[in-house]
Amino acid sequence: IIGNEDCGQMSAWYVMSALGFYQVAPGIPVYTLGRPMVDRALIHVKGGIFEIVVKNNSPENKYIRTVTLNGKELETPFFSHAEMAKGGKLVFEMTNTHP
């Protein structure tokens, strides 16, 4: 439809949000965490494989208990593109209890 083109932004938002993160501000290489909709995903990046694992994922467990990146718990609700580009493992642990 002419005039209704978002250059793929809506599709990119959905895919990345379903993985549990999204780049809120274009041009700033930082991803903000959100609720993942997948149990596991692999992304092929320059440094190898970036794996996303979601533990205790269910409709009831809608809150994030912890997130670790390469075994280290994240202290902020975001991580950098440079960290993802190296490859590694992002692990979400979900819970039904509000933090």
C-alpha atoms as a PDB file:
ATOM      1  CA  ILE A   1       0.000   0.000   0.000  1.00  0.00           C
ATOM      2  CA  ILE A   2       1.506   3.310  -1.075  1.00  0.00           C
ATOM      3  CA  GLY A   3       2.305   5.596   1.851  1.00  0.00           C
ATOM      4  CA  ASN A   4       2.017   2.760   4.354  1.00  0.00           C
ATOM      5  CA  GLU A   5       5.620   1.562   4.250  1.00  0.00           C
ATOM      6  CA  ASP A   6       7.629   1.367   7.437  1.00  0.00           C
ATOM      7  CA  CYS A   7      10.778  -0.020   5.751  1.00  0.00           C
ATOM      8  CA  GLY A   8      10.507  -3.242   7.735  1.00  0.00           C
ATOM      9  CA  GLN A   9      10.695  -1.571  11.133  1.00  0.00           C
ATOM     10  CA  MET A  10       7.531  -3.211  12.462  1.00  0.00           C
ATOM     11  CA  SER A  11       8.757  -6.660  11.433  1.00  0.00           C
ATOM     12  CA  ALA A  12      12.168  -6.041  13.000  1.00  0.00           C
ATOM     13  CA  TRP A  13      10.532  -4.801  16.197  1.00  0.00           C
ATOM     14  CA  TYR A  14       8.385  -7.934  16.458  1.00  0.00           C
ATOM     15  CA  VAL A  15      11.211 -10.417  15.823  1.00  0.00           C
ATOM     16  CA  MET A  16      13.620  -8.759  18.231  1.00  0.00           C
ATOM     17  CA  SER A  17      10.963  -8.194  20.886  1.00  0.00           C
ATOM     18  CA  ALA A  18       9.984 -11.870  20.670  1.00  0.00           C
ATOM     19  CA  LEU A  19      13.632 -12.691  21.420  1.00  0.00           C
ATOM     20  CA  GLY A  20      13.485 -10.553  24.569  1.00  0.00           C
ATOM     21  CA  PHE A  21      15.236  -7.333  23.564  1.00  0.00           C
ATOM     22  CA  TYR A  22      14.962  -4.375  21.212  1.00  0.00           C
ATOM     23  CA  GLN A  23      17.029  -1.393  20.096  1.00  0.00           C
ATOM     24  CA  VAL A  24      14.864   1.459  21.391  1.00  0.00           C
ATOM     25  CA  ALA A  25      16.852   4.313  19.857  1.00  0.00           C
ATOM     26  CA  PRO A  26      18.039   3.728  16.280  1.00  0.00           C
ATOM     27  CA  GLY A  27      21.711   4.549  15.901  1.00  0.00           C
ATOM     28  CA  ILE A  28      22.523   3.785  19.535  1.00  0.00           C
ATOM     29  CA  PRO A  29      23.988   0.255  19.733  1.00  0.00           C
ATOM     30  CA  VAL A  30      22.187  -0.782  22.926  1.00  0.00           C
ATOM     31  CA  TYR A  31      19.385  -3.321  23.371  1.00  0.00           C
ATOM     32  CA  THR A  32      16.767  -2.934  26.099  1.00  0.00           C
ATOM     33  CA  LEU A  33      15.440  -6.103  27.720  1.00  0.00           C
ATOM     34  CA  GLY A  34      11.807  -7.165  27.537  1.00  0.00           C
ATOM     35  CA  ARG A  35       9.725 -10.281  27.992  1.00  0.00           C
ATOM     36  CA  PRO A  36      10.827 -13.013  25.567  1.00  0.00           C
ATOM     37  CA  MET A  37       8.238 -15.109  23.720  1.00  0.00           C
ATOM     38  CA  VAL A  38      10.594 -17.943  22.762  1.00  0.00           C
ATOM     39  CA  ASP A  39      12.195 -20.708  24.807  1.00  0.00           C
ATOM     40  CA  ARG A  40      15.434 -20.717  22.835  1.00  0.00           C
ATOM     41  CA  ALA A  41      16.926 -19.013  19.795  1.00  0.00           C
ATOM     42  CA  LEU A  42      20.273 -18.850  18.017  1.00  0.00           C
ATOM     43  CA  ILE A  43      21.568 -15.800  16.176  1.00  0.00           C
ATOM     44  CA  HIS A  44      24.605 -16.093  13.919  1.00  0.00           C
ATOM     45  CA  VAL A  45      26.821 -13.070  14.629  1.00  0.00           C
ATOM     46  CA  LYS A  46      30.313 -11.990  13.618  1.00  0.00           C
ATOM     47  CA  GLY A  47      31.874 -13.623  16.696  1.00  0.00           C
ATOM     48  CA  GLY A  48      30.001 -16.926  16.364  1.00  0.00           C
ATOM     49  CA  ILE A  49      26.623 -17.796  17.863  1.00  0.00           C
ATOM     50  CA  PHE A  50      24.563 -15.651  20.227  1.00  0.00           C
ATOM     51  CA  GLU A  51      22.225 -18.015  22.076  1.00  0.00           C
ATOM     52  CA  ILE A  52      19.087 -16.923  23.910  1.00  0.00           C
ATOM     53  CA  VAL A  53      17.677 -19.310  26.523  1.00  0.00           C
ATOM     54  CA  VAL A  54      14.503 -18.654  28.507  1.00  0.00           C
ATOM     55  CA  LYS A  55      13.995 -20.735  31.657  1.00  0.00           C
ATOM     56  CA  ASN A  56      10.535 -21.247  33.201  1.00  0.00           C
ATOM     57  CA  ASN A  57       8.853 -19.609  30.212  1.00  0.00           C
ATOM     58  CA  SER A  58       5.037 -19.772  30.373  1.00  0.00           C
ATOM     59  CA  PRO A  59       2.045 -17.426  30.098  1.00  0.00           C
ATOM     60  CA  GLU A  60       1.922 -17.223  33.906  1.00  0.00           C
ATOM     61  CA  ASN A  61       5.631 -16.463  34.295  1.00  0.00           C
ATOM     62  CA  LYS A  62       5.512 -13.019  32.743  1.00  0.00           C
ATOM     63  CA  TYR A  63       8.151 -11.357  34.924  1.00  0.00           C
ATOM     64  CA  ILE A  64      11.914 -11.546  34.559  1.00  0.00           C
ATOM     65  CA  ARG A  65      13.638 -12.812  37.711  1.00  0.00           C
ATOM     66  CA  THR A  66      17.204 -12.592  36.408  1.00  0.00           C
ATOM     67  CA  VAL A  67      19.119 -12.193  33.171  1.00  0.00           C
ATOM     68  CA  THR A  68      22.668 -13.390  32.704  1.00  0.00           C
ATOM     69  CA  LEU A  69      24.996 -12.651  29.815  1.00  0.00           C
ATOM     70  CA  ASN A  70      27.802 -15.185  29.466  1.00  0.00           C
ATOM     71  CA  GLY A  71      27.239 -16.341  33.042  1.00  0.00           C
ATOM     72  CA  LYS A  72      27.289 -12.877  34.620  1.00  0.00           C
ATOM     73  CA  GLU A  73      24.051 -11.404  35.962  1.00  0.00           C
ATOM     74  CA  LEU A  74      23.109  -8.142  34.261  1.00  0.00           C
ATOM     75  CA  GLU A  75      22.745  -5.256  36.688  1.00  0.00           C
ATOM     76  CA  THR A  76      21.012  -3.027  34.135  1.00  0.00           C
ATOM     77  CA  PRO A  77      18.049  -3.754  31.826  1.00  0.00           C
ATOM     78  CA  PHE A  78      20.169  -3.459  28.678  1.00  0.00           C
ATOM     79  CA  PHE A  79      23.302  -4.718  26.928  1.00  0.00           C
ATOM     80  CA  SER A  80      25.406  -3.481  24.017  1.00  0.00           C
ATOM     81  CA  HIS A  81      25.521  -4.603  20.414  1.00  0.00           C
ATOM     82  CA  ALA A  82      29.275  -5.155  20.839  1.00  0.00           C
ATOM     83  CA  GLU A  83      28.539  -7.725  23.564  1.00  0.00           C
ATOM     84  CA  MET A  84      26.080  -9.540  21.306  1.00  0.00           C
ATOM     85  CA  ALA A  85      28.411  -9.413  18.271  1.00  0.00           C
ATOM     86  CA  LYS A  86      31.046 -11.396  20.193  1.00  0.00           C
ATOM     87  CA  GLY A  87      28.653 -14.332  20.500  1.00  0.00           C
ATOM     88  CA  GLY A  88      27.737 -15.908  23.799  1.00  0.00           C
ATOM     89  CA  LYS A  89      24.696 -16.777  25.824  1.00  0.00           C
ATOM     90  CA  LEU A  90      21.851 -14.627  27.158  1.00  0.00           C
ATOM     91  CA  VAL A  91      19.742 -16.458  29.759  1.00  0.00           C
ATOM     92  CA  PHE A  92      16.414 -15.178  31.073  1.00  0.00           C
ATOM     93  CA  GLU A  93      14.888 -16.748  34.176  1.00  0.00           C
ATOM     94  CA  MET A  94      11.176 -16.037  34.310  1.00  0.00           C
ATOM     95  CA  THR A  95       8.825 -16.004  37.322  1.00  0.00           C
ATOM     96  CA  ASN A  96       5.191 -15.310  38.153  1.00  0.00           C
ATOM     97  CA  THR A  97       6.184 -12.999  41.011  1.00  0.00           C
ATOM     98  CA  HIS A  98       6.497  -9.271  40.367  1.00  0.00           C
ATOM     99  CA  PRO A  99      10.036  -8.143  41.281  1.00  0.00           C
END
